Amino acid sequence: MTPKELNFAYKVRNALNENLDNLPAPTAEKLASARKMALSRKKNDSPLRALFTRRALATESGGFFTESMSWLPRMGLLILLVVLATGLVSIYQYEQEQRISDTAEIDAGVLSDELPLSAYVDHGFNAFLATRGD
């Protein structure tokens, strides 16, 4: 049922319930038999039926963003995830390059003997090398 049909059915039900005491007996019997007949024709509820609902973004009458365009939000989400992953990989690569550059600078300083001999026995320098050389 569409929302308009469902709304109409609720209005009819409420109007009948309000005037139920004022209805003549033959009319009430006709309504009761019609209700029994409608309930006998009613399809059984299926748990899978609730999983397949119609989605429309703009209008029910087939506006621009309907079911045929449902790929558009998915593509937007996919593009967002690709940009996010690319950004994270780029940041990781940049940090790795910085770390390699710092380690190479320390190694070049050690190998070119620009450091005094006392630096090799200094515990602070060894701690510096341990934290910078990871």
N, C-alpha and C. Protein backbone atom coordinates (compact mmCIF):
# COMPACT_ATOMS: atom_id res chain seq x y z
N MET A 1 0.84 -1.19 0.00
CA MET A 1 0.00 0.00 0.00
C MET A 1 0.88 1.24 0.00
N THR A 2 0.44 2.21 -0.72
CA THR A 2 1.16 3.48 -0.73
C THR A 2 0.80 4.26 0.54
N PRO A 3 1.57 5.24 0.90
CA PRO A 3 1.23 6.03 2.09
C PRO A 3 -0.12 6.72 1.99
N LYS A 4 -0.51 7.14 0.78
CA LYS A 4 -1.82 7.78 0.62
C LYS A 4 -2.95 6.79 0.89
N GLU A 5 -2.81 5.57 0.37
CA GLU A 5 -3.84 4.56 0.59
C GLU A 5 -3.92 4.17 2.05
N LEU A 6 -2.77 4.04 2.69
CA LEU A 6 -2.74 3.69 4.10
C LEU A 6 -3.37 4.78 4.95
N ASN A 7 -3.09 6.03 4.62
CA ASN A 7 -3.68 7.15 5.34
C ASN A 7 -5.20 7.16 5.17
N PHE A 8 -5.67 6.90 3.95
CA PHE A 8 -7.11 6.84 3.70
C PHE A 8 -7.77 5.72 4.50
N ALA A 9 -7.11 4.57 4.55
CA ALA A 9 -7.66 3.44 5.31
C ALA A 9 -7.76 3.78 6.80
N TYR A 10 -6.77 4.46 7.34
CA TYR A 10 -6.83 4.86 8.75
C TYR A 10 -7.96 5.85 9.01
N LYS A 11 -8.16 6.78 8.07
CA LYS A 11 -9.24 7.75 8.24
C LYS A 11 -10.61 7.07 8.22
N VAL A 12 -10.78 6.11 7.28
CA VAL A 12 -12.05 5.39 7.20
C VAL A 12 -12.27 4.58 8.48
N ARG A 13 -11.23 3.91 8.95
CA ARG A 13 -11.35 3.11 10.17
C ARG A 13 -11.73 3.99 11.36
N ASN A 14 -11.08 5.14 11.49
CA ASN A 14 -11.40 6.03 12.61
C ASN A 14 -12.82 6.57 12.52
N ALA A 15 -13.27 6.91 11.30
CA ALA A 15 -14.64 7.40 11.13
C ALA A 15 -15.66 6.31 11.48
N LEU A 16 -15.38 5.08 11.07
CA LEU A 16 -16.30 3.99 11.40
C LEU A 16 -16.29 3.70 12.91
N ASN A 17 -15.14 3.75 13.52
CA ASN A 17 -15.07 3.49 14.97
C ASN A 17 -15.81 4.57 15.77
N GLU A 18 -15.76 5.82 15.31
CA GLU A 18 -16.44 6.91 16.03
C GLU A 18 -17.96 6.74 15.97
N ASN A 19 -18.48 6.28 14.85
CA ASN A 19 -19.93 6.17 14.67
C ASN A 19 -20.42 4.73 14.77
N LEU A 20 -19.66 3.88 15.40
CA LEU A 20 -20.01 2.48 15.51
C LEU A 20 -21.31 2.28 16.28
N ASP A 21 -21.52 3.04 17.34
CA ASP A 21 -22.73 2.88 18.15
C ASP A 21 -23.97 3.40 17.42
N ASN A 22 -23.82 4.31 16.46
CA ASN A 22 -24.96 4.91 15.76
C ASN A 22 -25.36 4.14 14.50
N LEU A 23 -24.63 3.10 14.14
CA LEU A 23 -24.94 2.34 12.92
C LEU A 23 -26.14 1.43 13.15
N PRO A 24 -26.99 1.29 12.12
CA PRO A 24 -28.09 0.33 12.23
C PRO A 24 -27.55 -1.09 12.23
N ALA A 25 -28.31 -2.02 12.75
CA ALA A 25 -27.87 -3.41 12.89
C ALA A 25 -27.56 -4.06 11.54
N PRO A 26 -28.38 -3.88 10.49
CA PRO A 26 -28.04 -4.52 9.20
C PRO A 26 -26.70 -3.99 8.64
N THR A 27 -26.43 -2.72 8.82
CA THR A 27 -25.18 -2.15 8.32
C THR A 27 -24.00 -2.73 9.09
N ALA A 28 -24.15 -2.87 10.40
CA ALA A 28 -23.08 -3.43 11.21
C ALA A 28 -22.81 -4.88 10.81
N GLU A 29 -23.87 -5.64 10.49
CA GLU A 29 -23.70 -7.02 10.06
C GLU A 29 -23.00 -7.09 8.70
N LYS A 30 -23.37 -6.18 7.78
CA LYS A 30 -22.71 -6.14 6.47
C LYS A 30 -21.22 -5.82 6.63
N LEU A 31 -20.93 -4.87 7.51
CA LEU A 31 -19.53 -4.51 7.74
C LEU A 31 -18.76 -5.67 8.36
N ALA A 32 -19.40 -6.41 9.28
CA ALA A 32 -18.74 -7.54 9.91
C ALA A 32 -18.46 -8.64 8.89
N SER A 33 -19.43 -8.90 8.00
CA SER A 33 -19.21 -9.94 6.98
C SER A 33 -18.15 -9.48 5.97
N ALA A 34 -18.14 -8.19 5.63
CA ALA A 34 -17.11 -7.67 4.72
C ALA A 34 -15.73 -7.77 5.36
N ARG A 35 -15.68 -7.54 6.66
CA ARG A 35 -14.40 -7.65 7.37
C ARG A 35 -13.90 -9.09 7.36
N LYS A 36 -14.80 -10.03 7.61
CA LYS A 36 -14.42 -11.45 7.60
C LYS A 36 -13.92 -11.86 6.22
N MET A 37 -14.61 -11.39 5.17
CA MET A 37 -14.21 -11.73 3.81
C MET A 37 -12.84 -11.11 3.49
N ALA A 38 -12.61 -9.87 3.92
CA ALA A 38 -11.33 -9.21 3.65
C ALA A 38 -10.20 -9.92 4.39
N LEU A 39 -10.46 -10.35 5.63
CA LEU A 39 -9.43 -11.05 6.39
C LEU A 39 -9.12 -12.42 5.80
N SER A 40 -10.14 -13.06 5.20
CA SER A 40 -9.89 -14.36 4.58
C SER A 40 -9.05 -14.22 3.31
N ARG A 41 -9.15 -13.09 2.64
CA ARG A 41 -8.37 -12.86 1.42
C ARG A 41 -6.99 -12.29 1.70
N LYS A 42 -6.76 -11.87 2.91
CA LYS A 42 -5.48 -11.24 3.24
C LYS A 42 -4.34 -12.25 3.10
N LYS A 43 -3.26 -11.79 2.51
CA LYS A 43 -2.09 -12.65 2.35
C LYS A 43 -1.37 -12.77 3.69
N ASN A 44 -0.74 -13.92 3.87
CA ASN A 44 0.03 -14.12 5.09
C ASN A 44 1.26 -13.21 5.07
N ASP A 45 1.61 -12.69 6.23
CA ASP A 45 2.80 -11.85 6.34
C ASP A 45 4.04 -12.70 6.19
N SER A 46 4.96 -12.22 5.41
CA SER A 46 6.23 -12.91 5.20
C SER A 46 7.34 -12.06 5.79
N PRO A 47 8.27 -12.67 6.52
CA PRO A 47 9.36 -11.87 7.09
C PRO A 47 10.27 -11.28 6.02
N LEU A 48 10.32 -11.89 4.84
CA LEU A 48 11.17 -11.37 3.78
C LEU A 48 10.54 -10.17 3.07
N ARG A 49 9.25 -10.05 3.16
CA ARG A 49 8.57 -8.95 2.49
C ARG A 49 9.02 -7.61 3.05
N ALA A 50 9.32 -7.54 4.34
CA ALA A 50 9.73 -6.29 4.96
C ALA A 50 11.12 -5.87 4.52
N LEU A 51 11.92 -6.78 4.00
CA LEU A 51 13.27 -6.43 3.58
C LEU A 51 13.30 -5.67 2.27
N PHE A 52 12.29 -5.81 1.44
CA PHE A 52 12.30 -5.19 0.13
C PHE A 52 11.35 -4.00 0.12
N THR A 53 11.86 -2.87 0.52
CA THR A 53 11.06 -1.66 0.50
C THR A 53 11.52 -0.78 -0.65
N ARG A 54 10.64 0.01 -1.15
CA ARG A 54 10.97 0.91 -2.25
C ARG A 54 11.61 2.17 -1.70
N ARG A 55 12.71 2.55 -2.31
CA ARG A 55 13.41 3.75 -1.86
C ARG A 55 13.35 4.79 -2.96
N ALA A 56 12.99 6.00 -2.61
CA ALA A 56 13.02 7.10 -3.56
C ALA A 56 13.47 8.34 -2.81
N LEU A 57 14.36 9.11 -3.40
CA LEU A 57 14.92 10.26 -2.71
C LEU A 57 14.09 11.52 -2.88
N ALA A 58 13.50 11.74 -4.05
CA ALA A 58 12.80 13.00 -4.28
C ALA A 58 11.29 12.83 -4.18
N THR A 59 10.72 12.03 -5.06
CA THR A 59 9.27 11.88 -5.09
C THR A 59 8.89 10.44 -5.37
N GLU A 60 7.64 10.12 -5.11
CA GLU A 60 7.13 8.79 -5.42
C GLU A 60 6.76 8.68 -6.89
N SER A 61 6.56 9.81 -7.57
CA SER A 61 6.10 9.77 -8.95
C SER A 61 7.22 9.64 -9.96
N GLY A 62 8.43 9.47 -9.52
CA GLY A 62 9.52 9.27 -10.45
C GLY A 62 10.31 10.54 -10.71
N GLY A 63 10.73 11.21 -9.66
CA GLY A 63 11.54 12.41 -9.81
C GLY A 63 12.93 12.05 -10.29
N PHE A 64 13.83 13.00 -10.18
CA PHE A 64 15.18 12.79 -10.70
C PHE A 64 15.92 11.70 -9.94
N PHE A 65 15.83 11.69 -8.62
CA PHE A 65 16.55 10.70 -7.80
C PHE A 65 15.60 9.59 -7.39
N THR A 66 15.45 8.59 -8.22
CA THR A 66 14.58 7.46 -7.88
C THR A 66 15.43 6.21 -7.79
N GLU A 67 14.78 5.07 -7.82
CA GLU A 67 15.50 3.80 -7.69
C GLU A 67 16.53 3.59 -8.79
N SER A 68 16.27 4.11 -9.98
CA SER A 68 17.23 3.92 -11.06
C SER A 68 18.52 4.69 -10.81
N MET A 69 18.49 5.66 -9.93
CA MET A 69 19.68 6.45 -9.64
C MET A 69 20.28 6.07 -8.28
N SER A 70 19.95 4.91 -7.77
CA SER A 70 20.44 4.54 -6.43
C SER A 70 21.94 4.32 -6.41
N TRP A 71 22.59 4.24 -7.54
CA TRP A 71 24.04 4.07 -7.59
C TRP A 71 24.76 5.37 -7.23
N LEU A 72 24.08 6.51 -7.37
CA LEU A 72 24.72 7.80 -7.13
C LEU A 72 25.20 7.96 -5.69
N PRO A 73 24.39 7.70 -4.67
CA PRO A 73 24.91 7.80 -3.31
C PRO A 73 25.99 6.77 -3.02
N ARG A 74 25.87 5.59 -3.61
CA ARG A 74 26.88 4.56 -3.39
C ARG A 74 28.22 4.99 -3.98
N MET A 75 28.19 5.59 -5.15
CA MET A 75 29.43 6.05 -5.77
C MET A 75 30.05 7.19 -4.95
N GLY A 76 29.21 8.05 -4.41
CA GLY A 76 29.72 9.12 -3.55
C GLY A 76 30.43 8.55 -2.34
N LEU A 77 29.84 7.54 -1.74
CA LEU A 77 30.46 6.90 -0.58
C LEU A 77 31.75 6.20 -0.98
N LEU A 78 31.74 5.53 -2.13
CA LEU A 78 32.94 4.85 -2.60
C LEU A 78 34.07 5.84 -2.88
N ILE A 79 33.75 6.96 -3.51
CA ILE A 79 34.76 7.98 -3.78
C ILE A 79 35.32 8.53 -2.48
N LEU A 80 34.46 8.75 -1.50
CA LEU A 80 34.91 9.25 -0.20
C LEU A 80 35.87 8.26 0.46
N LEU A 81 35.55 6.97 0.40
CA LEU A 81 36.42 5.96 0.99
C LEU A 81 37.75 5.86 0.27
N VAL A 82 37.74 6.00 -1.06
CA VAL A 82 38.99 5.96 -1.83
C VAL A 82 39.86 7.16 -1.48
N VAL A 83 39.26 8.34 -1.37
CA VAL A 83 40.02 9.54 -1.01
C VAL A 83 40.59 9.40 0.40
N LEU A 84 39.81 8.87 1.32
CA LEU A 84 40.28 8.67 2.69
C LEU A 84 41.44 7.69 2.73
N ALA A 85 41.31 6.57 2.04
CA ALA A 85 42.39 5.58 2.01
C ALA A 85 43.65 6.15 1.37
N THR A 86 43.48 6.91 0.28
CA THR A 86 44.63 7.53 -0.38
C THR A 86 45.31 8.52 0.56
N GLY A 87 44.54 9.28 1.29
CA GLY A 87 45.11 10.23 2.25
C GLY A 87 45.89 9.53 3.35
N LEU A 88 45.33 8.45 3.87
CA LEU A 88 46.02 7.72 4.94
C LEU A 88 47.31 7.09 4.44
N VAL A 89 47.30 6.53 3.23
CA VAL A 89 48.51 5.94 2.66
C VAL A 89 49.55 7.03 2.40
N SER A 90 49.11 8.18 1.94
CA SER A 90 50.05 9.29 1.68
C SER A 90 50.70 9.76 2.97
N ILE A 91 49.92 9.89 4.03
CA ILE A 91 50.48 10.30 5.32
C ILE A 91 51.47 9.27 5.82
N TYR A 92 51.14 8.01 5.68
CA TYR A 92 52.06 6.95 6.11
C TYR A 92 53.36 7.00 5.32
N GLN A 93 53.27 7.18 4.01
CA GLN A 93 54.47 7.26 3.17
C GLN A 93 55.32 8.46 3.55
N TYR A 94 54.69 9.59 3.80
CA TYR A 94 55.43 10.79 4.18
C TYR A 94 56.17 10.57 5.51
N GLU A 95 55.49 9.99 6.47
CA GLU A 95 56.13 9.72 7.77
C GLU A 95 57.29 8.74 7.62
N GLN A 96 57.11 7.73 6.79
CA GLN A 96 58.21 6.78 6.55
C GLN A 96 59.41 7.47 5.90
N GLU A 97 59.17 8.34 4.93
CA GLU A 97 60.26 9.07 4.29
C GLU A 97 60.98 9.98 5.29
N GLN A 98 60.22 10.62 6.17
CA GLN A 98 60.83 11.47 7.19
C GLN A 98 61.70 10.63 8.13
N ARG A 99 61.20 9.49 8.52
CA ARG A 99 61.96 8.61 9.42
C ARG A 99 63.24 8.12 8.76
N ILE A 100 63.15 7.72 7.50
CA ILE A 100 64.32 7.26 6.75
C ILE A 100 65.33 8.40 6.60
N SER A 101 64.83 9.59 6.32
CA SER A 101 65.71 10.75 6.17
C SER A 101 66.44 11.07 7.47
N ASP A 102 65.73 11.02 8.59
CA ASP A 102 66.37 11.28 9.89
C ASP A 102 67.42 10.22 10.21
N THR A 103 67.09 8.97 9.95
CA THR A 103 68.04 7.88 10.21
C THR A 103 69.26 8.01 9.31
N ALA A 104 69.06 8.38 8.07
CA ALA A 104 70.19 8.56 7.15
C ALA A 104 71.07 9.72 7.59
N GLU A 105 70.48 10.76 8.11
CA GLU A 105 71.26 11.91 8.60
C GLU A 105 72.13 11.51 9.79
N ILE A 106 71.56 10.72 10.70
CA ILE A 106 72.34 10.26 11.86
C ILE A 106 73.45 9.32 11.39
N ASP A 107 73.13 8.40 10.49
CA ASP A 107 74.15 7.47 9.98
C ASP A 107 75.26 8.22 9.25
N ALA A 108 74.90 9.22 8.48
CA ALA A 108 75.91 9.99 7.76
C ALA A 108 76.81 10.73 8.74
N GLY A 109 76.23 11.24 9.81
CA GLY A 109 77.03 11.93 10.83
C GLY A 109 77.97 10.99 11.53
N VAL A 110 77.51 9.77 11.82
CA VAL A 110 78.36 8.79 12.50
C VAL A 110 79.47 8.33 11.56
N LEU A 111 79.16 8.06 10.31
CA LEU A 111 80.14 7.53 9.37
C LEU A 111 81.14 8.59 8.90
N SER A 112 80.78 9.84 8.93
CA SER A 112 81.71 10.87 8.47
C SER A 112 82.58 11.41 9.60
N ASP A 113 82.46 10.83 10.78
CA ASP A 113 83.25 11.23 11.95
C ASP A 113 83.09 12.68 12.30
N GLU A 114 81.92 13.22 12.11
CA GLU A 114 81.64 14.58 12.53
C GLU A 114 81.34 14.64 14.02
N LEU A 115 81.13 13.51 14.61
CA LEU A 115 80.83 13.46 16.04
C LEU A 115 82.11 13.29 16.84
N PRO A 116 82.17 13.91 18.00
CA PRO A 116 83.35 13.69 18.85
C PRO A 116 83.30 12.28 19.43
N LEU A 117 84.43 11.77 19.84
CA LEU A 117 84.51 10.42 20.39
C LEU A 117 83.70 10.28 21.67
N SER A 118 83.56 11.35 22.42
CA SER A 118 82.80 11.28 23.67
C SER A 118 81.31 11.03 23.41
N ALA A 119 80.82 11.30 22.21
CA ALA A 119 79.41 11.07 21.90
C ALA A 119 79.07 9.59 21.87
N TYR A 120 80.06 8.77 21.50
CA TYR A 120 79.80 7.33 21.42
C TYR A 120 79.63 6.69 22.79
N VAL A 121 80.22 7.27 23.83
CA VAL A 121 80.09 6.70 25.17
C VAL A 121 79.01 7.41 25.99
N ASP A 122 78.43 8.44 25.44
CA ASP A 122 77.40 9.19 26.14
C ASP A 122 76.09 8.39 26.12
N HIS A 123 75.52 8.17 27.31
CA HIS A 123 74.27 7.41 27.40
C HIS A 123 73.10 8.18 26.79
N GLY A 124 73.10 9.47 26.88
CA GLY A 124 72.04 10.28 26.27
C GLY A 124 72.04 10.16 24.76
N PHE A 125 73.27 10.12 24.17
CA PHE A 125 73.36 9.98 22.72
C PHE A 125 72.86 8.60 22.28
N ASN A 126 73.19 7.58 23.06
CA ASN A 126 72.69 6.23 22.75
C ASN A 126 71.17 6.17 22.85
N ALA A 127 70.61 6.86 23.84
CA ALA A 127 69.14 6.92 23.96
C ALA A 127 68.55 7.68 22.77
N PHE A 128 69.24 8.76 22.35
CA PHE A 128 68.79 9.52 21.19
C PHE A 128 68.81 8.66 19.94
N LEU A 129 69.86 7.88 19.76
CA LEU A 129 69.95 6.99 18.61
C LEU A 129 68.87 5.92 18.66
N ALA A 130 68.58 5.44 19.87
CA ALA A 130 67.58 4.38 20.01
C ALA A 130 66.19 4.92 19.64
N THR A 131 65.88 6.14 20.04
CA THR A 131 64.54 6.68 19.74
C THR A 131 64.45 7.16 18.31
N ARG A 132 65.50 7.69 17.74
CA ARG A 132 65.48 8.23 16.38
C ARG A 132 65.73 7.16 15.33
N GLY A 133 66.36 6.08 15.72
CA GLY A 133 66.75 5.05 14.74
C GLY A 133 65.76 3.91 14.60
N ASP A 134 64.56 4.02 15.22
CA ASP A 134 63.58 2.92 15.12
C ASP A 134 63.10 2.71 13.74
